[in-house]
Every structure is written in C-alpha cells, then in structure tokens.
N, C-alpha and C. Protein backbone atom coordinates (compact mmCIF):
# COMPACT_ATOMS: atom_id res chain seq x y z
N MET A 1 -26.07 -72.98 -22.61
CA MET A 1 -26.25 -71.96 -23.62
C MET A 1 -27.71 -71.86 -24.04
N ARG A 2 -28.35 -73.05 -24.23
CA ARG A 2 -29.76 -73.05 -24.61
C ARG A 2 -30.63 -72.42 -23.52
N ALA A 3 -30.30 -72.70 -22.27
CA ALA A 3 -31.08 -72.14 -21.17
C ALA A 3 -30.97 -70.62 -21.16
N THR A 4 -29.77 -70.09 -21.39
CA THR A 4 -29.56 -68.64 -21.42
C THR A 4 -30.36 -68.02 -22.56
N LEU A 5 -30.34 -68.66 -23.72
CA LEU A 5 -31.09 -68.16 -24.87
C LEU A 5 -32.59 -68.18 -24.58
N LEU A 6 -33.06 -69.26 -23.97
CA LEU A 6 -34.48 -69.36 -23.64
C LEU A 6 -34.90 -68.26 -22.66
N VAL A 7 -34.09 -68.02 -21.64
CA VAL A 7 -34.40 -66.96 -20.67
C VAL A 7 -34.43 -65.60 -21.36
N ALA A 8 -33.44 -65.35 -22.24
CA ALA A 8 -33.40 -64.07 -22.95
C ALA A 8 -34.64 -63.89 -23.82
N LEU A 9 -35.06 -64.93 -24.52
CA LEU A 9 -36.26 -64.85 -25.35
C LEU A 9 -37.51 -64.61 -24.51
N LEU A 10 -37.60 -65.27 -23.37
CA LEU A 10 -38.75 -65.07 -22.49
C LEU A 10 -38.81 -63.63 -21.98
N LEU A 11 -37.66 -63.09 -21.63
CA LEU A 11 -37.62 -61.70 -21.15
C LEU A 11 -38.00 -60.72 -22.25
N LEU A 12 -37.56 -60.96 -23.46
CA LEU A 12 -37.91 -60.08 -24.58
C LEU A 12 -39.41 -60.14 -24.86
N CYS A 13 -39.98 -61.32 -24.77
CA CYS A 13 -41.41 -61.45 -25.01
C CYS A 13 -42.22 -60.83 -23.88
N ALA A 14 -41.70 -60.86 -22.67
CA ALA A 14 -42.42 -60.32 -21.52
C ALA A 14 -42.34 -58.80 -21.46
N ALA A 15 -41.35 -58.20 -22.05
CA ALA A 15 -41.17 -56.74 -21.96
C ALA A 15 -42.42 -55.96 -22.39
N PRO A 16 -43.05 -56.30 -23.52
CA PRO A 16 -44.25 -55.55 -23.88
C PRO A 16 -45.37 -55.69 -22.84
N ALA A 17 -45.44 -56.82 -22.16
CA ALA A 17 -46.46 -57.00 -21.13
C ALA A 17 -46.20 -56.05 -19.96
N TRP A 18 -44.94 -55.84 -19.60
CA TRP A 18 -44.62 -54.91 -18.52
C TRP A 18 -45.06 -53.50 -18.92
N ALA A 19 -44.76 -53.11 -20.14
CA ALA A 19 -45.11 -51.77 -20.61
C ALA A 19 -46.63 -51.60 -20.66
N ALA A 20 -47.34 -52.67 -21.00
CA ALA A 20 -48.80 -52.59 -21.12
C ALA A 20 -49.45 -52.39 -19.76
N GLU A 21 -48.76 -52.76 -18.65
CA GLU A 21 -49.33 -52.62 -17.32
C GLU A 21 -49.46 -51.16 -16.90
N GLU A 22 -48.68 -50.26 -17.49
CA GLU A 22 -48.72 -48.84 -17.14
C GLU A 22 -49.95 -48.21 -17.80
N PRO A 23 -50.94 -47.77 -16.99
CA PRO A 23 -52.14 -47.17 -17.57
C PRO A 23 -51.81 -45.88 -18.32
N SER A 24 -52.58 -45.60 -19.34
CA SER A 24 -52.36 -44.41 -20.15
C SER A 24 -53.68 -43.64 -20.30
N GLY A 25 -53.62 -42.33 -20.00
CA GLY A 25 -54.80 -41.49 -20.16
C GLY A 25 -55.38 -41.04 -18.83
N CYS A 26 -55.98 -39.87 -18.85
CA CYS A 26 -56.53 -39.26 -17.62
C CYS A 26 -57.65 -40.08 -17.01
N ASP A 27 -58.34 -40.87 -17.81
CA ASP A 27 -59.45 -41.66 -17.29
C ASP A 27 -58.99 -42.95 -16.61
N LYS A 28 -57.68 -43.19 -16.56
CA LYS A 28 -57.16 -44.42 -15.98
C LYS A 28 -56.78 -44.30 -14.51
N PHE A 29 -56.90 -43.10 -13.93
CA PHE A 29 -56.63 -42.96 -12.50
C PHE A 29 -57.72 -43.67 -11.71
N LYS A 30 -57.40 -44.11 -10.50
CA LYS A 30 -58.34 -44.89 -9.70
C LYS A 30 -59.43 -44.04 -9.05
N TRP A 31 -59.25 -42.72 -9.01
CA TRP A 31 -60.26 -41.81 -8.47
C TRP A 31 -60.23 -40.52 -9.27
N PRO A 32 -61.24 -39.68 -9.17
CA PRO A 32 -61.26 -38.43 -9.94
C PRO A 32 -60.06 -37.54 -9.60
N ILE A 33 -59.45 -36.95 -10.61
CA ILE A 33 -58.24 -36.13 -10.43
C ILE A 33 -58.43 -34.71 -10.94
N ASP A 34 -59.65 -34.32 -11.27
CA ASP A 34 -59.88 -33.00 -11.87
C ASP A 34 -59.35 -31.87 -11.00
N ARG A 35 -59.61 -31.91 -9.70
CA ARG A 35 -59.18 -30.84 -8.80
C ARG A 35 -57.65 -30.79 -8.70
N GLU A 36 -57.02 -31.95 -8.57
CA GLU A 36 -55.57 -32.01 -8.48
C GLU A 36 -54.91 -31.56 -9.78
N ARG A 37 -55.47 -32.01 -10.88
CA ARG A 37 -54.93 -31.64 -12.20
C ARG A 37 -55.05 -30.13 -12.43
N ALA A 38 -56.18 -29.55 -12.03
CA ALA A 38 -56.37 -28.10 -12.18
C ALA A 38 -55.34 -27.34 -11.33
N ALA A 39 -55.08 -27.81 -10.12
CA ALA A 39 -54.09 -27.15 -9.26
C ALA A 39 -52.69 -27.26 -9.86
N LEU A 40 -52.36 -28.43 -10.38
CA LEU A 40 -51.02 -28.67 -10.93
C LEU A 40 -50.76 -27.88 -12.22
N THR A 41 -51.81 -27.48 -12.92
CA THR A 41 -51.63 -26.76 -14.18
C THR A 41 -52.00 -25.27 -14.07
N ALA A 42 -52.38 -24.83 -12.87
CA ALA A 42 -52.74 -23.41 -12.68
C ALA A 42 -51.52 -22.53 -12.97
N PRO A 43 -51.71 -21.39 -13.61
CA PRO A 43 -50.57 -20.54 -13.97
C PRO A 43 -49.94 -19.82 -12.77
N ASP A 44 -50.64 -19.75 -11.65
CA ASP A 44 -50.13 -18.98 -10.51
C ASP A 44 -49.47 -19.84 -9.43
N ARG A 45 -48.91 -20.98 -9.79
CA ARG A 45 -48.24 -21.83 -8.81
C ARG A 45 -47.05 -21.11 -8.20
N ALA A 46 -46.94 -21.16 -6.89
CA ALA A 46 -45.78 -20.57 -6.21
C ALA A 46 -44.54 -21.40 -6.54
N LYS A 47 -43.42 -20.72 -6.70
CA LYS A 47 -42.16 -21.41 -6.99
C LYS A 47 -41.36 -21.49 -5.70
N LEU A 48 -40.89 -22.70 -5.38
CA LEU A 48 -40.12 -22.93 -4.17
C LEU A 48 -38.75 -23.49 -4.50
N ALA A 49 -37.76 -23.08 -3.73
CA ALA A 49 -36.44 -23.68 -3.82
C ALA A 49 -36.46 -24.95 -2.98
N SER A 50 -35.63 -25.92 -3.34
CA SER A 50 -35.51 -27.12 -2.51
C SER A 50 -35.06 -26.71 -1.12
N GLY A 51 -35.69 -27.30 -0.11
CA GLY A 51 -35.40 -26.96 1.27
C GLY A 51 -36.31 -25.91 1.85
N ALA A 52 -37.26 -25.43 1.06
CA ALA A 52 -38.17 -24.38 1.53
C ALA A 52 -38.99 -24.85 2.73
N GLU A 53 -39.27 -23.91 3.61
CA GLU A 53 -40.14 -24.16 4.77
C GLU A 53 -41.42 -23.36 4.59
N LEU A 54 -42.55 -24.03 4.67
CA LEU A 54 -43.86 -23.38 4.54
C LEU A 54 -44.55 -23.38 5.89
N ALA A 55 -45.16 -22.27 6.25
CA ALA A 55 -45.89 -22.18 7.52
C ALA A 55 -47.12 -23.07 7.52
N ALA A 56 -47.76 -23.19 6.35
CA ALA A 56 -48.98 -23.99 6.23
C ALA A 56 -49.06 -24.54 4.81
N LEU A 57 -50.00 -25.42 4.60
CA LEU A 57 -50.20 -25.95 3.25
C LEU A 57 -50.61 -24.82 2.31
N PRO A 58 -50.02 -24.77 1.13
CA PRO A 58 -50.47 -23.76 0.16
C PRO A 58 -51.88 -24.14 -0.32
N PRO A 59 -52.68 -23.14 -0.72
CA PRO A 59 -54.04 -23.42 -1.16
C PRO A 59 -54.09 -24.19 -2.49
N GLY A 60 -53.05 -24.10 -3.28
CA GLY A 60 -53.00 -24.80 -4.56
C GLY A 60 -51.67 -25.53 -4.67
N ALA A 61 -51.23 -25.71 -5.89
CA ALA A 61 -49.97 -26.41 -6.13
C ALA A 61 -48.78 -25.45 -6.06
N VAL A 62 -47.62 -26.02 -5.87
CA VAL A 62 -46.35 -25.28 -5.91
C VAL A 62 -45.45 -25.97 -6.92
N THR A 63 -44.48 -25.23 -7.43
CA THR A 63 -43.46 -25.83 -8.29
C THR A 63 -42.16 -25.82 -7.49
N LEU A 64 -41.64 -27.01 -7.24
CA LEU A 64 -40.44 -27.18 -6.44
C LEU A 64 -39.24 -27.36 -7.35
N ALA A 65 -38.23 -26.50 -7.17
CA ALA A 65 -36.98 -26.64 -7.92
C ALA A 65 -36.23 -27.85 -7.38
N LEU A 66 -35.70 -28.66 -8.26
CA LEU A 66 -34.98 -29.86 -7.88
C LEU A 66 -33.50 -29.73 -8.26
N LEU A 67 -32.68 -30.47 -7.54
CA LEU A 67 -31.22 -30.46 -7.74
C LEU A 67 -30.73 -31.89 -7.95
N SER A 68 -29.45 -32.03 -8.23
CA SER A 68 -28.90 -33.38 -8.27
C SER A 68 -29.07 -33.98 -6.88
N PRO A 69 -29.21 -35.29 -6.75
CA PRO A 69 -29.41 -35.88 -5.42
C PRO A 69 -28.30 -35.50 -4.43
N ALA A 70 -27.06 -35.39 -4.89
CA ALA A 70 -25.96 -35.02 -3.99
C ALA A 70 -26.12 -33.58 -3.49
N ASP A 71 -26.61 -32.69 -4.33
CA ASP A 71 -26.78 -31.28 -3.95
C ASP A 71 -28.08 -31.01 -3.20
N ALA A 72 -29.04 -31.91 -3.31
CA ALA A 72 -30.36 -31.68 -2.70
C ALA A 72 -30.32 -31.74 -1.18
N LYS A 73 -29.37 -32.45 -0.63
CA LYS A 73 -29.25 -32.57 0.84
C LYS A 73 -30.59 -32.96 1.48
N LEU A 74 -31.16 -34.05 0.97
CA LEU A 74 -32.44 -34.53 1.50
C LEU A 74 -32.31 -34.84 2.99
N PRO A 75 -33.35 -34.57 3.77
CA PRO A 75 -33.29 -34.83 5.21
C PRO A 75 -33.12 -36.31 5.56
N ALA A 76 -33.58 -37.20 4.69
CA ALA A 76 -33.47 -38.64 4.92
C ALA A 76 -33.17 -39.32 3.59
N PRO A 77 -32.47 -40.44 3.61
CA PRO A 77 -32.25 -41.15 2.35
C PRO A 77 -33.60 -41.57 1.76
N PRO A 78 -33.77 -41.39 0.46
CA PRO A 78 -35.04 -41.81 -0.16
C PRO A 78 -35.26 -43.31 0.03
N GLU A 79 -36.51 -43.69 0.17
CA GLU A 79 -36.83 -45.11 0.31
C GLU A 79 -36.40 -45.89 -0.93
N ARG A 80 -36.44 -45.23 -2.08
CA ARG A 80 -35.98 -45.84 -3.34
C ARG A 80 -34.80 -45.01 -3.82
N ALA A 81 -33.66 -45.67 -4.01
CA ALA A 81 -32.45 -44.97 -4.44
C ALA A 81 -32.67 -44.33 -5.82
N PRO A 82 -32.33 -43.03 -5.96
CA PRO A 82 -32.52 -42.36 -7.24
C PRO A 82 -31.53 -42.86 -8.30
N ARG A 83 -31.98 -42.89 -9.52
CA ARG A 83 -31.11 -43.27 -10.64
C ARG A 83 -30.19 -42.12 -11.00
N GLU A 84 -29.10 -42.45 -11.62
CA GLU A 84 -28.15 -41.44 -12.07
C GLU A 84 -28.81 -40.52 -13.10
N GLY A 85 -28.51 -39.23 -13.00
CA GLY A 85 -29.06 -38.27 -13.95
C GLY A 85 -30.44 -37.77 -13.58
N THR A 86 -30.92 -38.11 -12.37
CA THR A 86 -32.23 -37.63 -11.94
C THR A 86 -32.06 -36.50 -10.92
N PHE A 87 -33.18 -35.92 -10.52
CA PHE A 87 -33.18 -34.76 -9.64
C PHE A 87 -33.99 -35.04 -8.37
N ALA A 88 -33.70 -34.26 -7.32
CA ALA A 88 -34.38 -34.45 -6.03
C ALA A 88 -34.54 -33.11 -5.33
N GLY A 89 -35.43 -33.07 -4.37
CA GLY A 89 -35.63 -31.87 -3.57
C GLY A 89 -36.63 -32.14 -2.47
N PHE A 90 -36.79 -31.15 -1.58
CA PHE A 90 -37.73 -31.32 -0.49
C PHE A 90 -38.27 -29.98 -0.02
N ALA A 91 -39.35 -30.06 0.71
CA ALA A 91 -39.95 -28.89 1.36
C ALA A 91 -40.54 -29.38 2.68
N SER A 92 -40.56 -28.50 3.66
CA SER A 92 -41.18 -28.86 4.94
C SER A 92 -42.39 -27.95 5.15
N VAL A 93 -43.40 -28.52 5.80
CA VAL A 93 -44.63 -27.81 6.08
C VAL A 93 -44.84 -27.85 7.58
N LYS A 94 -45.03 -26.67 8.19
CA LYS A 94 -45.18 -26.58 9.65
C LYS A 94 -46.41 -27.31 10.15
N SER A 95 -47.53 -27.22 9.40
CA SER A 95 -48.73 -27.93 9.85
C SER A 95 -49.78 -28.01 8.74
N ALA A 96 -50.56 -29.06 8.83
CA ALA A 96 -51.73 -29.19 7.97
C ALA A 96 -52.88 -28.47 8.68
N PRO A 97 -53.84 -27.90 7.96
CA PRO A 97 -54.92 -27.17 8.62
C PRO A 97 -55.73 -28.05 9.58
N LYS A 98 -55.88 -29.32 9.24
CA LYS A 98 -56.54 -30.26 10.15
C LYS A 98 -56.04 -31.66 9.81
N ALA A 99 -56.12 -32.54 10.78
CA ALA A 99 -55.70 -33.92 10.55
C ALA A 99 -56.68 -34.58 9.58
N GLY A 100 -56.17 -35.47 8.74
CA GLY A 100 -57.05 -36.17 7.83
C GLY A 100 -56.31 -36.75 6.64
N LEU A 101 -57.08 -37.20 5.69
CA LEU A 101 -56.56 -37.81 4.48
C LEU A 101 -56.31 -36.72 3.44
N TYR A 102 -55.12 -36.71 2.86
CA TYR A 102 -54.73 -35.72 1.85
C TYR A 102 -54.21 -36.44 0.61
N THR A 103 -54.46 -35.84 -0.55
CA THR A 103 -53.83 -36.32 -1.78
C THR A 103 -52.56 -35.51 -1.99
N ILE A 104 -51.51 -36.21 -2.37
CA ILE A 104 -50.26 -35.57 -2.78
C ILE A 104 -50.07 -35.99 -4.23
N SER A 105 -50.11 -35.01 -5.13
CA SER A 105 -50.08 -35.28 -6.56
C SER A 105 -48.87 -34.63 -7.19
N LEU A 106 -48.29 -35.29 -8.19
CA LEU A 106 -47.11 -34.80 -8.90
C LEU A 106 -47.42 -34.61 -10.37
N SER A 107 -46.81 -33.57 -10.95
CA SER A 107 -46.99 -33.30 -12.37
C SER A 107 -46.19 -34.24 -13.25
N ALA A 108 -45.14 -34.83 -12.70
CA ALA A 108 -44.25 -35.72 -13.47
C ALA A 108 -43.86 -36.89 -12.58
N GLY A 109 -43.18 -37.85 -13.17
CA GLY A 109 -42.74 -39.01 -12.41
C GLY A 109 -41.71 -38.64 -11.36
N GLY A 110 -41.70 -39.36 -10.27
CA GLY A 110 -40.74 -39.16 -9.20
C GLY A 110 -41.17 -39.99 -8.00
N TRP A 111 -40.22 -40.22 -7.10
CA TRP A 111 -40.50 -40.98 -5.88
C TRP A 111 -40.79 -39.98 -4.77
N VAL A 112 -41.82 -40.23 -3.98
CA VAL A 112 -42.21 -39.35 -2.88
C VAL A 112 -41.99 -40.05 -1.55
N ASP A 113 -41.35 -39.34 -0.63
CA ASP A 113 -41.24 -39.78 0.76
C ASP A 113 -41.85 -38.69 1.62
N VAL A 114 -42.73 -39.07 2.55
CA VAL A 114 -43.33 -38.12 3.48
C VAL A 114 -42.93 -38.58 4.89
N MET A 115 -42.30 -37.66 5.64
CA MET A 115 -41.89 -37.96 6.99
C MET A 115 -42.64 -37.04 7.95
N GLN A 116 -43.21 -37.65 9.00
CA GLN A 116 -43.95 -36.89 10.00
C GLN A 116 -43.75 -37.57 11.35
N ASP A 117 -43.51 -36.76 12.38
CA ASP A 117 -43.30 -37.27 13.74
C ASP A 117 -42.20 -38.33 13.79
N GLY A 118 -41.16 -38.13 12.99
CA GLY A 118 -40.02 -39.04 12.99
C GLY A 118 -40.24 -40.35 12.27
N HIS A 119 -41.34 -40.47 11.53
CA HIS A 119 -41.67 -41.72 10.83
C HIS A 119 -41.89 -41.47 9.35
N LEU A 120 -41.51 -42.45 8.55
CA LEU A 120 -41.82 -42.43 7.13
C LEU A 120 -43.26 -42.90 6.98
N LEU A 121 -44.10 -42.08 6.38
CA LEU A 121 -45.50 -42.45 6.17
C LEU A 121 -45.64 -43.27 4.91
N LYS A 122 -46.50 -44.24 4.96
CA LYS A 122 -46.81 -45.05 3.78
C LYS A 122 -48.12 -44.53 3.18
N PRO A 123 -48.20 -44.44 1.86
CA PRO A 123 -49.46 -43.99 1.27
C PRO A 123 -50.59 -44.99 1.54
N LYS A 124 -51.78 -44.45 1.74
CA LYS A 124 -52.97 -45.29 1.93
C LYS A 124 -53.49 -45.80 0.58
N ALA A 125 -53.19 -45.05 -0.48
CA ALA A 125 -53.61 -45.43 -1.84
C ALA A 125 -52.70 -44.72 -2.83
N PHE A 126 -52.58 -45.29 -4.01
CA PHE A 126 -51.72 -44.76 -5.07
C PHE A 126 -52.43 -44.94 -6.40
N SER A 127 -52.26 -43.94 -7.27
CA SER A 127 -52.76 -44.07 -8.63
C SER A 127 -51.87 -43.26 -9.56
N GLY A 128 -51.64 -43.77 -10.72
CA GLY A 128 -50.82 -43.07 -11.69
C GLY A 128 -51.17 -43.49 -13.10
N ALA A 129 -50.87 -42.61 -14.04
CA ALA A 129 -51.09 -42.91 -15.45
C ALA A 129 -50.19 -42.00 -16.29
N THR A 130 -49.80 -42.51 -17.43
CA THR A 130 -49.04 -41.70 -18.37
C THR A 130 -50.02 -41.01 -19.31
N ASP A 131 -49.51 -40.09 -20.09
CA ASP A 131 -50.30 -39.42 -21.13
C ASP A 131 -51.53 -38.69 -20.59
N CYS A 132 -51.35 -38.03 -19.44
CA CYS A 132 -52.41 -37.17 -18.89
C CYS A 132 -51.73 -35.84 -18.59
N ASP A 133 -51.99 -34.86 -19.41
CA ASP A 133 -51.33 -33.57 -19.31
C ASP A 133 -51.49 -32.95 -17.92
N GLY A 134 -50.36 -32.66 -17.27
CA GLY A 134 -50.38 -31.95 -16.00
C GLY A 134 -50.26 -32.81 -14.76
N ILE A 135 -50.59 -34.10 -14.83
CA ILE A 135 -50.51 -34.97 -13.65
C ILE A 135 -49.98 -36.34 -14.05
N ARG A 136 -49.10 -36.87 -13.22
CA ARG A 136 -48.53 -38.19 -13.50
C ARG A 136 -48.93 -39.21 -12.44
N LYS A 137 -48.97 -38.74 -11.16
CA LYS A 137 -49.33 -39.67 -10.10
C LYS A 137 -49.96 -38.92 -8.95
N THR A 138 -50.74 -39.65 -8.17
CA THR A 138 -51.37 -39.10 -6.99
C THR A 138 -51.42 -40.19 -5.92
N MET A 139 -51.21 -39.78 -4.68
CA MET A 139 -51.21 -40.71 -3.56
C MET A 139 -52.05 -40.12 -2.44
N LYS A 140 -52.57 -40.97 -1.57
CA LYS A 140 -53.34 -40.50 -0.42
C LYS A 140 -52.56 -40.84 0.85
N TYR A 141 -52.36 -39.81 1.68
CA TYR A 141 -51.64 -39.96 2.94
C TYR A 141 -52.51 -39.47 4.09
N GLU A 142 -52.44 -40.14 5.21
CA GLU A 142 -53.08 -39.71 6.45
C GLU A 142 -52.09 -38.80 7.16
N LEU A 143 -52.44 -37.51 7.27
CA LEU A 143 -51.56 -36.53 7.91
C LEU A 143 -52.19 -36.03 9.21
N SER A 144 -51.33 -35.78 10.21
CA SER A 144 -51.79 -35.12 11.43
C SER A 144 -51.47 -33.64 11.26
N THR A 145 -51.71 -32.84 12.28
CA THR A 145 -51.41 -31.42 12.19
C THR A 145 -49.94 -31.13 12.49
N SER A 146 -49.14 -32.15 12.78
CA SER A 146 -47.71 -31.98 13.07
C SER A 146 -46.96 -31.56 11.81
N PRO A 147 -45.79 -30.93 11.99
CA PRO A 147 -44.95 -30.62 10.83
C PRO A 147 -44.60 -31.90 10.06
N PHE A 148 -44.41 -31.75 8.75
CA PHE A 148 -43.98 -32.89 7.95
C PHE A 148 -43.04 -32.41 6.85
N VAL A 149 -42.28 -33.37 6.34
CA VAL A 149 -41.35 -33.11 5.24
C VAL A 149 -41.78 -33.97 4.07
N LEU A 150 -41.85 -33.34 2.90
CA LEU A 150 -42.12 -34.06 1.66
C LEU A 150 -40.86 -33.97 0.81
N GLN A 151 -40.33 -35.12 0.44
CA GLN A 151 -39.17 -35.11 -0.45
C GLN A 151 -39.49 -35.90 -1.71
N VAL A 152 -38.97 -35.39 -2.81
CA VAL A 152 -39.14 -36.00 -4.13
C VAL A 152 -37.76 -36.38 -4.64
N SER A 153 -37.64 -37.56 -5.20
CA SER A 153 -36.37 -37.98 -5.81
C SER A 153 -36.68 -38.78 -7.06
N GLY A 154 -35.66 -38.98 -7.86
CA GLY A 154 -35.82 -39.79 -9.06
C GLY A 154 -36.56 -39.10 -10.20
N SER A 155 -36.71 -37.78 -10.14
CA SER A 155 -37.40 -37.07 -11.21
C SER A 155 -36.45 -36.84 -12.38
N LYS A 156 -36.96 -36.98 -13.57
CA LYS A 156 -36.16 -36.71 -14.77
C LYS A 156 -36.10 -35.22 -15.07
N GLU A 157 -36.98 -34.43 -14.42
CA GLU A 157 -37.06 -32.99 -14.63
C GLU A 157 -36.37 -32.27 -13.47
N ASP A 158 -35.92 -31.01 -13.70
CA ASP A 158 -35.27 -30.26 -12.62
C ASP A 158 -36.26 -29.39 -11.83
N SER A 159 -37.54 -29.56 -12.08
CA SER A 159 -38.59 -28.96 -11.25
C SER A 159 -39.83 -29.82 -11.41
N ILE A 160 -40.68 -29.74 -10.39
CA ILE A 160 -41.89 -30.57 -10.41
C ILE A 160 -42.99 -29.82 -9.67
N SER A 161 -44.20 -29.91 -10.19
CA SER A 161 -45.33 -29.30 -9.50
C SER A 161 -45.94 -30.33 -8.56
N ILE A 162 -46.31 -29.84 -7.35
CA ILE A 162 -46.84 -30.70 -6.30
C ILE A 162 -48.10 -30.05 -5.73
N ALA A 163 -49.15 -30.83 -5.60
CA ALA A 163 -50.38 -30.35 -4.95
C ALA A 163 -50.66 -31.24 -3.76
N ILE A 164 -50.88 -30.63 -2.60
CA ILE A 164 -51.25 -31.33 -1.38
C ILE A 164 -52.63 -30.80 -0.99
N LEU A 165 -53.63 -31.61 -1.20
CA LEU A 165 -55.02 -31.16 -1.02
C LEU A 165 -55.79 -32.15 -0.14
N PRO A 166 -56.75 -31.66 0.66
CA PRO A 166 -57.59 -32.58 1.41
C PRO A 166 -58.30 -33.54 0.44
N ALA A 167 -58.30 -34.82 0.78
CA ALA A 167 -58.97 -35.80 -0.09
C ALA A 167 -60.47 -35.58 -0.04
N GLU A 168 -61.11 -35.81 -1.17
CA GLU A 168 -62.57 -35.66 -1.25
C GLU A 168 -63.23 -36.97 -1.00
C-alpha cells in the first residue's frame, strides 16, 4: 500500500514537469516559422475534402476537412493510433516541383504520416510550440518528385490548415 501511495505521489509531482516540457510561444520553434505561419493564416487558403488529389503542391496552405477516423478511410493505418473523439483525413499530391527538403506545418495539433514510393517517411526534424496563433507544429521531410500521401490523424478539430513549402 505504501509503495502504491509513493508511486502515486511521485507521478503527481512529476506531472507539472511534463507540462513544462511543452514550449510555449512563437519564439520557441527551433527554426524561423514566419513564412509557414503566414501561409497557414492567409485568408485565401484552398479548402479540400479528405481524400482530395492535387496535381502539384499548392503555392500556399490548404484547409483540409477532417472526419472521424472510421469515416476518413485513411490509405494506411496511422503510425500513432488516434484517440477517441479525434478527427483524421488525407490528401495526395501527384508531385513536388523538385526533390528536396520541405516543411510540413499544421495549424493545430495532430499526427502526420507521409507516404511516398510505398514507404512511410520519417521527418528529418520536428518543432512545435503551443500559444502561437496559426501554427502548432512544423516538420521537415525529404521529398522526391514522386507522388505522396499526407495523412493527419488525432486532431481535436474537424479541419486543419496545412502548408507544404520548400525548406529555407
């Protein structure tokens, strides 16, 4: 009984430390995000339904409508299982204008999976922060000119803005 109580007390004391690890504020990203943030908050973002196919990368951000994970019919199971009450969706892009490093940025929290040439791509870098209007996280992926699928899951919102831009 004492051991259980001790573990519970340690977990309660550690909880604020976990919360403190989440950076807060636009200046807490690991690299400049001004361009991504401007794209994600632009008023002229194209609206896409989940499952949309794009011929090429859009020049700015898009807003992707999300559905319940069961209704989203994601092309592949998400690498991280979505929590109950969250939303998911995907879009496919026929080609990137040129091979290289791209940032994929989200306006809100969510899990991102990028599949290209039959493989799940791992981000080369990740940065995120709370309390930054318009952007929640950004990742860097090495993309070829082949078609790819971007899927988002675990979002608390039923739509999310996404910017896919060449890394600077």
